[in-house]
Amino acid sequence: MCRWLAYRGEALQPSILILDAQHSLVAQSLNSPLGAETVNGDGFGFGWYPTDADAGGIPAVFHSIEPAWHDQNLREITRAVRSPVFFSHVRAAGGPPIQQTNCHPFRYENWLFMHNGFLADFTDVKRDLTFAIDPSLYPHVQGTTDSEVLFHLALTFGLRDDPIEAMTQTVRLVESTGREHGIRFPMQGTMAVSDGETLWAFRYSTAGRSRTLFHSVDIPTLRQLYPDAERLSLFGDDAHVVVSEPLNDLPGTFVEVPEATAVILDPDGYRHQPFMA
């Protein structure tokens, strides 16, 4: 359906990962070997947290309906800024129209969210799920995607206090609502969410065959594995990335996230815990 990338660590020029990596996100928008669709050209989004404390921790977002490989503004912005936490997403539209409000990541206050996957037969469950969104949050739903509904359901269930519990309740609602409508496998996807400090990522599907998800190995470990890799000098020791598929072909640089798993990435590094298992 889509491909996405989330970074946390020392402030970094996003183009290093989004544009310049061997299998960068822009490269994956043209050719995604592990994706459900090879080409992801139905728009893209880029969201980043500023390094300036005066910004109040509110992320900036840039969305476009152009293919990522064709957009000069994406190149300009990702080379001009530096950010300690950023998200980027390339879209393969699975039904909802190609429009800016349907591009990820989605933002609410200091939170960013993005999703790769789908809610099966979304048109059948859309009304029930949308009406479960807290009335105070409902006006913030601007697009028509299942992913934006997921985000606002998670906010409804307390994302700002406990992201894992909120996502658990959200997926449970999706599955129970889907089954009420005779849908066998209601939920499919990988998701990422951040408050600008911590990054949470989820891999889950009702069928147990989720979209791919990987995270990088610690930079000090990679420097030991590849002491002659000059590119590693671009990254600080705290640099970590979670991705739909690996950004290079070097053995041992990326670890696949297991099925039904939540990944928590904070200043202490990665932690895995079962999700909906």
C-alpha atoms as a PDB file:
ATOM      1  CA  MET A   1       0.000   0.000   0.000  1.00  0.00           C
ATOM      2  CA  CYS A   2       2.669   2.541   1.057  1.00  0.00           C
ATOM      3  CA  ARG A   3       6.200   2.866   2.408  1.00  0.00           C
ATOM      4  CA  TRP A   4       7.333   4.937   5.380  1.00  0.00           C
ATOM      5  CA  LEU A   5      10.373   5.951   7.386  1.00  0.00           C
ATOM      6  CA  ALA A   6      10.731   7.319  10.931  1.00  0.00           C
ATOM      7  CA  TYR A   7      13.970   8.682  12.409  1.00  0.00           C
ATOM      8  CA  ARG A   8      14.970   9.487  15.985  1.00  0.00           C
ATOM      9  CA  GLY A   9      18.394  10.570  17.210  1.00  0.00           C
ATOM     10  CA  GLU A  10      20.789  13.448  16.910  1.00  0.00           C
ATOM     11  CA  ALA A  11      19.547  16.257  14.675  1.00  0.00           C
ATOM     12  CA  LEU A  12      20.067  15.058  11.099  1.00  0.00           C
ATOM     13  CA  GLN A  13      19.564  16.379   7.595  1.00  0.00           C
ATOM     14  CA  PRO A  14      16.543  14.276   6.490  1.00  0.00           C
ATOM     15  CA  SER A  15      17.716  14.057   2.882  1.00  0.00           C
ATOM     16  CA  ILE A  16      20.461  11.667   4.023  1.00  0.00           C
ATOM     17  CA  LEU A  17      17.787   8.990   4.509  1.00  0.00           C
ATOM     18  CA  ILE A  18      14.881  10.185   2.386  1.00  0.00           C
ATOM     19  CA  LEU A  19      16.895  10.961  -0.754  1.00  0.00           C
ATOM     20  CA  ASP A  20      20.474   9.738  -0.551  1.00  0.00           C
ATOM     21  CA  ALA A  21      20.415   6.245   0.963  1.00  0.00           C
ATOM     22  CA  GLN A  22      20.988   3.290  -1.368  1.00  0.00           C
ATOM     23  CA  HIS A  23      17.313   2.296  -1.069  1.00  0.00           C
ATOM     24  CA  SER A  24      16.006   5.661   0.097  1.00  0.00           C
ATOM     25  CA  LEU A  25      12.330   6.324   0.617  1.00  0.00           C
ATOM     26  CA  VAL A  26      12.229   8.202  -2.695  1.00  0.00           C
ATOM     27  CA  ALA A  27      13.876   5.206  -4.384  1.00  0.00           C
ATOM     28  CA  GLN A  28      11.238   2.963  -2.795  1.00  0.00           C
ATOM     29  CA  SER A  29       8.499   5.193  -4.179  1.00  0.00           C
ATOM     30  CA  LEU A  30       9.687   4.121  -7.639  1.00  0.00           C
ATOM     31  CA  ASN A  31      10.645   0.542  -6.820  1.00  0.00           C
ATOM     32  CA  SER A  32       9.585  -1.147  -3.589  1.00  0.00           C
ATOM     33  CA  PRO A  33      10.689  -4.797  -3.668  1.00  0.00           C
ATOM     34  CA  LEU A  34       9.008  -5.703  -0.350  1.00  0.00           C
ATOM     35  CA  GLY A  35       5.872  -3.627  -0.796  1.00  0.00           C
ATOM     36  CA  ALA A  36       2.403  -4.754  -1.794  1.00  0.00           C
ATOM     37  CA  GLU A  37       2.764  -2.361  -4.737  1.00  0.00           C
ATOM     38  CA  THR A  38       6.064  -1.777  -6.510  1.00  0.00           C
ATOM     39  CA  VAL A  39       5.345   1.911  -7.189  1.00  0.00           C
ATOM     40  CA  ASN A  40       4.141   4.357  -4.524  1.00  0.00           C
ATOM     41  CA  GLY A  41       3.496   7.494  -6.530  1.00  0.00           C
ATOM     42  CA  ASP A  42       0.164   8.814  -5.215  1.00  0.00           C
ATOM     43  CA  GLY A  43       1.578  11.622  -3.118  1.00  0.00           C
ATOM     44  CA  PHE A  44       3.856  11.835  -0.122  1.00  0.00           C
ATOM     45  CA  GLY A  45       4.353  13.585   3.181  1.00  0.00           C
ATOM     46  CA  PHE A  46       7.191  14.776   5.369  1.00  0.00           C
ATOM     47  CA  GLY A  47       6.830  15.769   9.014  1.00  0.00           C
ATOM     48  CA  TRP A  48       9.626  16.995  11.254  1.00  0.00           C
ATOM     49  CA  TYR A  49      10.168  18.316  14.747  1.00  0.00           C
ATOM     50  CA  PRO A  50      12.240  21.506  14.855  1.00  0.00           C
ATOM     51  CA  THR A  51      15.437  21.794  16.848  1.00  0.00           C
ATOM     52  CA  ASP A  52      14.383  25.306  17.944  1.00  0.00           C
ATOM     53  CA  ALA A  53      12.921  25.118  21.460  1.00  0.00           C
ATOM     54  CA  ASP A  54      10.833  28.221  20.735  1.00  0.00           C
ATOM     55  CA  ALA A  55       8.740  26.154  18.316  1.00  0.00           C
ATOM     56  CA  GLY A  56       7.125  24.450  21.336  1.00  0.00           C
ATOM     57  CA  GLY A  57       7.627  20.913  20.079  1.00  0.00           C
ATOM     58  CA  ILE A  58       4.981  21.262  17.362  1.00  0.00           C
ATOM     59  CA  PRO A  59       6.045  19.433  14.196  1.00  0.00           C
ATOM     60  CA  ALA A  60       5.932  20.970  10.746  1.00  0.00           C
ATOM     61  CA  VAL A  61       4.380  19.027   7.874  1.00  0.00           C
ATOM     62  CA  PHE A  62       4.640  19.145   4.096  1.00  0.00           C
ATOM     63  CA  HIS A  63       2.252  17.187   1.884  1.00  0.00           C
ATOM     64  CA  SER A  64       2.059  16.907  -1.885  1.00  0.00           C
ATOM     65  CA  ILE A  65       0.022  14.872  -4.353  1.00  0.00           C
ATOM     66  CA  GLU A  66       2.988  14.691  -6.722  1.00  0.00           C
ATOM     67  CA  PRO A  67       5.136  11.550  -6.830  1.00  0.00           C
ATOM     68  CA  ALA A  68       7.996  11.920  -4.348  1.00  0.00           C
ATOM     69  CA  TRP A  69      10.606  11.324  -7.050  1.00  0.00           C
ATOM     70  CA  HIS A  70       9.249  14.293  -9.023  1.00  0.00           C
ATOM     71  CA  ASP A  71       8.954  16.927  -6.305  1.00  0.00           C
ATOM     72  CA  GLN A  72      11.752  19.481  -6.130  1.00  0.00           C
ATOM     73  CA  ASN A  73      10.303  21.046  -2.966  1.00  0.00           C
ATOM     74  CA  LEU A  74      10.872  17.796  -1.065  1.00  0.00           C
ATOM     75  CA  ARG A  75      14.517  17.890  -2.072  1.00  0.00           C
ATOM     76  CA  GLU A  76      14.867  21.523  -1.032  1.00  0.00           C
ATOM     77  CA  ILE A  77      13.197  21.108   2.359  1.00  0.00           C
ATOM     78  CA  THR A  78      14.903  17.868   3.387  1.00  0.00           C
ATOM     79  CA  ARG A  79      18.298  19.368   2.565  1.00  0.00           C
ATOM     80  CA  ALA A  80      17.582  22.701   4.275  1.00  0.00           C
ATOM     81  CA  VAL A  81      16.409  21.500   7.700  1.00  0.00           C
ATOM     82  CA  ARG A  82      17.888  19.408  10.478  1.00  0.00           C
ATOM     83  CA  SER A  83      15.668  17.481  12.847  1.00  0.00           C
ATOM     84  CA  PRO A  84      16.031  15.024  15.754  1.00  0.00           C
ATOM     85  CA  VAL A  85      12.743  13.289  14.891  1.00  0.00           C
ATOM     86  CA  PHE A  86      11.124  13.101  11.476  1.00  0.00           C
ATOM     87  CA  PHE A  87       8.586  11.011   9.559  1.00  0.00           C
ATOM     88  CA  SER A  88       8.200  10.519   5.827  1.00  0.00           C
ATOM     89  CA  HIS A  89       5.652   8.500   3.854  1.00  0.00           C
ATOM     90  CA  VAL A  90       5.050   7.672   0.192  1.00  0.00           C
ATOM     91  CA  ARG A  91       1.532   6.669  -0.753  1.00  0.00           C
ATOM     92  CA  ALA A  92      -0.068   4.087  -3.013  1.00  0.00           C
ATOM     93  CA  ALA A  93      -3.741   5.032  -2.879  1.00  0.00           C
ATOM     94  CA  GLY A  94      -5.942   2.030  -2.228  1.00  0.00           C
ATOM     95  CA  GLY A  95      -9.287   3.740  -2.760  1.00  0.00           C
ATOM     96  CA  PRO A  96      -9.496   7.166  -1.070  1.00  0.00           C
ATOM     97  CA  PRO A  97      -8.747   9.954  -3.553  1.00  0.00           C
ATOM     98  CA  ILE A  98      -5.344  11.477  -4.202  1.00  0.00           C
ATOM     99  CA  GLN A  99      -5.459  14.753  -2.286  1.00  0.00           C
ATOM    100  CA  GLN A 100      -3.216  16.539   0.203  1.00  0.00           C
ATOM    101  CA  THR A 101      -5.486  15.844   3.179  1.00  0.00           C
ATOM    102  CA  ASN A 102      -5.075  12.111   2.528  1.00  0.00           C
ATOM    103  CA  CYS A 103      -1.262  12.242   2.649  1.00  0.00           C
ATOM    104  CA  HIS A 104       0.593  11.050   5.737  1.00  0.00           C
ATOM    105  CA  PRO A 105       1.891  11.834   8.294  1.00  0.00           C
ATOM    106  CA  PHE A 106      -1.116  13.225  10.117  1.00  0.00           C
ATOM    107  CA  ARG A 107      -0.615  15.790  12.876  1.00  0.00           C
ATOM    108  CA  TYR A 108      -2.494  16.696  16.033  1.00  0.00           C
ATOM    109  CA  GLU A 109      -0.865  19.103  18.475  1.00  0.00           C
ATOM    110  CA  ASN A 110       2.642  17.686  19.047  1.00  0.00           C
ATOM    111  CA  TRP A 111       1.807  14.225  17.670  1.00  0.00           C
ATOM    112  CA  LEU A 112       2.577  12.677  14.279  1.00  0.00           C
ATOM    113  CA  PHE A 113       1.052   9.449  12.945  1.00  0.00           C
ATOM    114  CA  MET A 114       1.402   7.384   9.772  1.00  0.00           C
ATOM    115  CA  HIS A 115       0.209   3.977   8.580  1.00  0.00           C
ATOM    116  CA  ASN A 116       0.927   1.439   5.873  1.00  0.00           C
ATOM    117  CA  GLY A 117      -1.904  -0.985   5.281  1.00  0.00           C
ATOM    118  CA  PHE A 118      -5.689  -0.842   5.288  1.00  0.00           C
ATOM    119  CA  LEU A 119      -8.904  -1.487   7.141  1.00  0.00           C
ATOM    120  CA  ALA A 120     -10.659  -4.159   5.110  1.00  0.00           C
ATOM    121  CA  ASP A 121     -13.944  -3.063   3.505  1.00  0.00           C
ATOM    122  CA  PHE A 122     -13.528   0.361   5.047  1.00  0.00           C
ATOM    123  CA  THR A 123     -16.630   1.764   3.377  1.00  0.00           C
ATOM    124  CA  ASP A 124     -18.716  -0.785   5.326  1.00  0.00           C
ATOM    125  CA  VAL A 125     -17.297   0.173   8.733  1.00  0.00           C
ATOM    126  CA  LYS A 126     -16.427   3.831   8.136  1.00  0.00           C
ATOM    127  CA  ARG A 127     -19.587   5.240   9.685  1.00  0.00           C
ATOM    128  CA  ASP A 128     -19.332   3.180  12.883  1.00  0.00           C
ATOM    129  CA  LEU A 129     -15.641   3.898  13.364  1.00  0.00           C
ATOM    130  CA  THR A 130     -15.886   7.585  12.546  1.00  0.00           C
ATOM    131  CA  PHE A 131     -18.762   8.067  14.983  1.00  0.00           C
ATOM    132  CA  ALA A 132     -16.616   6.481  17.714  1.00  0.00           C
ATOM    133  CA  ILE A 133     -14.184   9.418  17.485  1.00  0.00           C
ATOM    134  CA  ASP A 134     -14.506  11.856  20.375  1.00  0.00           C
ATOM    135  CA  PRO A 135     -16.716  14.784  19.294  1.00  0.00           C
ATOM    136  CA  SER A 136     -13.991  17.273  20.231  1.00  0.00           C
ATOM    137  CA  LEU A 137     -11.581  15.532  17.827  1.00  0.00           C
ATOM    138  CA  TYR A 138     -14.006  14.907  14.978  1.00  0.00           C
ATOM    139  CA  PRO A 139     -13.602  18.387  13.395  1.00  0.00           C
ATOM    140  CA  HIS A 140      -9.869  17.693  12.979  1.00  0.00           C
ATOM    141  CA  VAL A 141     -10.495  14.824  10.550  1.00  0.00           C
ATOM    142  CA  GLN A 142      -9.825  16.531   7.225  1.00  0.00           C
ATOM    143  CA  GLY A 143      -9.374  13.673   4.743  1.00  0.00           C
ATOM    144  CA  THR A 144     -11.131  10.455   3.792  1.00  0.00           C
ATOM    145  CA  THR A 145      -8.618   7.720   4.674  1.00  0.00           C
ATOM    146  CA  ASP A 146      -8.944   4.844   7.100  1.00  0.00           C
ATOM    147  CA  SER A 147      -5.513   5.837   8.427  1.00  0.00           C
ATOM    148  CA  GLU A 148      -6.694   9.244   9.639  1.00  0.00           C
ATOM    149  CA  VAL A 149      -9.653   7.582  11.349  1.00  0.00           C
ATOM    150  CA  LEU A 150      -7.221   5.217  13.095  1.00  0.00           C
ATOM    151  CA  PHE A 151      -5.198   8.186  14.362  1.00  0.00           C
ATOM    152  CA  HIS A 152      -8.214  10.011  15.772  1.00  0.00           C
ATOM    153  CA  LEU A 153      -9.562   6.844  17.361  1.00  0.00           C
ATOM    154  CA  ALA A 154      -6.180   6.392  19.076  1.00  0.00           C
ATOM    155  CA  LEU A 155      -6.380  10.001  20.300  1.00  0.00           C
ATOM    156  CA  THR A 156      -9.887   9.251  21.547  1.00  0.00           C
ATOM    157  CA  PHE A 157      -8.600   6.245  23.484  1.00  0.00           C
ATOM    158  CA  GLY A 158      -5.821   8.189  25.218  1.00  0.00           C
ATOM    159  CA  LEU A 159      -2.875   8.212  22.838  1.00  0.00           C
ATOM    160  CA  ARG A 160      -1.403  11.226  24.612  1.00  0.00           C
ATOM    161  CA  ASP A 161      -1.237   9.307  27.910  1.00  0.00           C
ATOM    162  CA  ASP A 162      -0.462   5.725  26.863  1.00  0.00           C
ATOM    163  CA  PRO A 163       0.176   5.149  23.143  1.00  0.00           C
ATOM    164  CA  ILE A 164       0.371   1.354  23.331  1.00  0.00           C
ATOM    165  CA  GLU A 165      -2.863   0.984  25.281  1.00  0.00           C
ATOM    166  CA  ALA A 166      -4.583   3.496  22.996  1.00  0.00           C
ATOM    167  CA  MET A 167      -3.487   1.618  19.874  1.00  0.00           C
ATOM    168  CA  THR A 168      -4.592  -1.650  21.483  1.00  0.00           C
ATOM    169  CA  GLN A 169      -8.087  -0.292  22.128  1.00  0.00           C
ATOM    170  CA  THR A 170      -8.206   1.170  18.613  1.00  0.00           C
ATOM    171  CA  VAL A 171      -7.334  -2.121  16.937  1.00  0.00           C
ATOM    172  CA  ARG A 172      -9.786  -4.004  19.156  1.00  0.00           C
ATOM    173  CA  LEU A 173     -12.553  -1.648  18.051  1.00  0.00           C
ATOM    174  CA  VAL A 174     -11.577  -2.047  14.388  1.00  0.00           C
ATOM    175  CA  GLU A 175     -11.648  -5.824  14.704  1.00  0.00           C
ATOM    176  CA  SER A 176     -14.913  -6.028  16.643  1.00  0.00           C
ATOM    177  CA  THR A 177     -16.627  -3.582  14.284  1.00  0.00           C
ATOM    178  CA  GLY A 178     -15.303  -5.429  11.251  1.00  0.00           C
ATOM    179  CA  ARG A 179     -16.536  -8.782  12.516  1.00  0.00           C
ATOM    180  CA  GLU A 180     -19.983  -7.311  13.180  1.00  0.00           C
ATOM    181  CA  HIS A 181     -20.015  -6.557   9.446  1.00  0.00           C
ATOM    182  CA  GLY A 182     -18.840 -10.043   8.475  1.00  0.00           C
ATOM    183  CA  ILE A 183     -15.249  -9.014   7.721  1.00  0.00           C
ATOM    184  CA  ARG A 184     -12.873 -11.882   8.436  1.00  0.00           C
ATOM    185  CA  PHE A 185      -9.584  -9.941   8.662  1.00  0.00           C
ATOM    186  CA  PRO A 186     -10.410  -6.323   9.496  1.00  0.00           C
ATOM    187  CA  MET A 187      -6.962  -4.924  10.368  1.00  0.00           C
ATOM    188  CA  GLN A 188      -3.734  -4.793   8.370  1.00  0.00           C
ATOM    189  CA  GLY A 189      -0.737  -2.584   8.793  1.00  0.00           C
ATOM    190  CA  THR A 190       2.302  -1.042  10.330  1.00  0.00           C
ATOM    191  CA  MET A 191       1.979   2.253  12.176  1.00  0.00           C
ATOM    192  CA  ALA A 192       4.277   4.888  13.643  1.00  0.00           C
ATOM    193  CA  VAL A 193       3.491   7.604  16.173  1.00  0.00           C
ATOM    194  CA  SER A 194       5.611  10.145  18.023  1.00  0.00           C
ATOM    195  CA  ASP A 195       5.297  13.034  20.461  1.00  0.00           C
ATOM    196  CA  GLY A 196       8.686  14.401  19.410  1.00  0.00           C
ATOM    197  CA  GLU A 197      10.535  12.621  22.225  1.00  0.00           C
ATOM    198  CA  THR A 198       9.642   8.937  21.908  1.00  0.00           C
ATOM    199  CA  LEU A 199       8.805   6.934  18.807  1.00  0.00           C
ATOM    200  CA  TRP A 200       6.368   4.031  18.888  1.00  0.00           C
ATOM    201  CA  ALA A 201       5.961   1.642  15.946  1.00  0.00           C
ATOM    202  CA  PHE A 202       3.515  -1.236  15.551  1.00  0.00           C
ATOM    203  CA  ARG A 203       3.328  -4.255  13.288  1.00  0.00           C
ATOM    204  CA  TYR A 204       0.010  -6.095  13.382  1.00  0.00           C
ATOM    205  CA  SER A 205      -2.686  -7.659  11.236  1.00  0.00           C
ATOM    206  CA  THR A 206      -5.717  -9.768  12.081  1.00  0.00           C
ATOM    207  CA  ALA A 207      -4.545 -12.413   9.622  1.00  0.00           C
ATOM    208  CA  GLY A 208      -1.035 -12.529  11.124  1.00  0.00           C
ATOM    209  CA  ARG A 209       0.564 -11.533   7.820  1.00  0.00           C
ATOM    210  CA  SER A 210       1.442  -7.887   8.341  1.00  0.00           C
ATOM    211  CA  ARG A 211       3.245  -5.482   6.050  1.00  0.00           C
ATOM    212  CA  THR A 212       7.019  -5.550   6.506  1.00  0.00           C
ATOM    213  CA  LEU A 213       8.753  -3.469   9.187  1.00  0.00           C
ATOM    214  CA  PHE A 214      12.428  -3.140  10.141  1.00  0.00           C
ATOM    215  CA  HIS A 215      14.626  -1.048  12.373  1.00  0.00           C
ATOM    216  CA  SER A 216      18.297  -0.213  12.132  1.00  0.00           C
ATOM    217  CA  VAL A 217      21.025  -1.661  14.321  1.00  0.00           C
ATOM    218  CA  ASP A 218      22.816   0.692  16.741  1.00  0.00           C
ATOM    219  CA  ILE A 219      25.402   2.881  15.036  1.00  0.00           C
ATOM    220  CA  PRO A 220      28.322   1.837  17.328  1.00  0.00           C
ATOM    221  CA  THR A 221      27.611  -1.795  16.417  1.00  0.00           C
ATOM    222  CA  LEU A 222      27.511  -0.932  12.717  1.00  0.00           C
ATOM    223  CA  ARG A 223      30.841   0.895  12.974  1.00  0.00           C
ATOM    224  CA  GLN A 224      32.374  -2.274  14.384  1.00  0.00           C
ATOM    225  CA  LEU A 225      30.833  -4.356  11.590  1.00  0.00           C
ATOM    226  CA  TYR A 226      31.852  -1.916   8.843  1.00  0.00           C
ATOM    227  CA  PRO A 227      34.846   0.147  10.014  1.00  0.00           C
ATOM    228  CA  ASP A 228      35.523   1.382   6.474  1.00  0.00           C
ATOM    229  CA  ALA A 229      31.968   2.564   5.777  1.00  0.00           C
ATOM    230  CA  GLU A 230      32.437   6.325   5.476  1.00  0.00           C
ATOM    231  CA  ARG A 231      28.703   6.965   5.326  1.00  0.00           C
ATOM    232  CA  LEU A 232      28.336   5.949   8.983  1.00  0.00           C
ATOM    233  CA  SER A 233      30.230   9.099   9.953  1.00  0.00           C
ATOM    234  CA  LEU A 234      27.107  11.066   9.015  1.00  0.00           C
ATOM    235  CA  PHE A 235      25.239   9.631  12.000  1.00  0.00           C
ATOM    236  CA  GLY A 236      25.560  10.145  15.735  1.00  0.00           C
ATOM    237  CA  ASP A 237      25.644   7.248  18.170  1.00  0.00           C
ATOM    238  CA  ASP A 238      21.948   7.747  18.989  1.00  0.00           C
ATOM    239  CA  ALA A 239      20.722   7.642  15.376  1.00  0.00           C
ATOM    240  CA  HIS A 240      17.956   5.089  14.777  1.00  0.00           C
ATOM    241  CA  VAL A 241      15.493   4.551  11.970  1.00  0.00           C
ATOM    242  CA  VAL A 242      12.343   2.442  11.645  1.00  0.00           C
ATOM    243  CA  VAL A 243      11.379   1.654   8.061  1.00  0.00           C
ATOM    244  CA  SER A 244       9.003  -0.339   5.908  1.00  0.00           C
ATOM    245  CA  GLU A 245      12.005  -1.937   4.242  1.00  0.00           C
ATOM    246  CA  PRO A 246      15.800  -1.683   4.621  1.00  0.00           C
ATOM    247  CA  LEU A 247      17.609   1.351   3.237  1.00  0.00           C
ATOM    248  CA  ASN A 248      20.674  -0.619   2.095  1.00  0.00           C
ATOM    249  CA  ASP A 249      21.887  -4.119   1.259  1.00  0.00           C
ATOM    250  CA  LEU A 250      24.591  -4.381   3.950  1.00  0.00           C
ATOM    251  CA  PRO A 251      24.048  -7.582   5.971  1.00  0.00           C
ATOM    252  CA  GLY A 252      23.260  -7.006   9.621  1.00  0.00           C
ATOM    253  CA  THR A 253      22.271  -3.342   9.372  1.00  0.00           C
ATOM    254  CA  PHE A 254      18.523  -3.849   9.761  1.00  0.00           C
ATOM    255  CA  VAL A 255      16.455  -6.145  11.992  1.00  0.00           C
ATOM    256  CA  GLU A 256      12.952  -7.261  11.057  1.00  0.00           C
ATOM    257  CA  VAL A 257      10.306  -6.381  13.631  1.00  0.00           C
ATOM    258  CA  PRO A 258       8.367  -9.540  14.533  1.00  0.00           C
ATOM    259  CA  GLU A 259       4.680  -9.955  13.827  1.00  0.00           C
ATOM    260  CA  ALA A 260       2.339  -8.561  16.531  1.00  0.00           C
ATOM    261  CA  THR A 261       5.025  -6.371  18.096  1.00  0.00           C
ATOM    262  CA  ALA A 262       5.280  -2.819  19.404  1.00  0.00           C
ATOM    263  CA  VAL A 263       8.651  -1.080  19.181  1.00  0.00           C
ATOM    264  CA  ILE A 264       9.473   1.716  21.611  1.00  0.00           C
ATOM    265  CA  LEU A 265      12.383   3.960  20.675  1.00  0.00           C
ATOM    266  CA  ASP A 266      13.577   6.514  23.232  1.00  0.00           C
ATOM    267  CA  PRO A 267      16.959   7.797  24.507  1.00  0.00           C
ATOM    268  CA  ASP A 268      17.716   4.304  25.862  1.00  0.00           C
ATOM    269  CA  GLY A 269      17.343   2.704  22.411  1.00  0.00           C
ATOM    270  CA  TYR A 270      14.897   0.066  21.203  1.00  0.00           C
ATOM    271  CA  ARG A 271      12.533  -2.070  23.245  1.00  0.00           C
ATOM    272  CA  HIS A 272      10.125  -4.641  21.842  1.00  0.00           C
ATOM    273  CA  GLN A 273       6.947  -5.873  23.482  1.00  0.00           C
ATOM    274  CA  PRO A 274       4.062  -8.036  22.280  1.00  0.00           C
ATOM    275  CA  PHE A 275       1.166  -6.143  20.709  1.00  0.00           C
ATOM    276  CA  MET A 276      -2.291  -7.714  20.511  1.00  0.00           C
ATOM    277  CA  ALA A 277      -0.604 -11.121  20.840  1.00  0.00           C
END
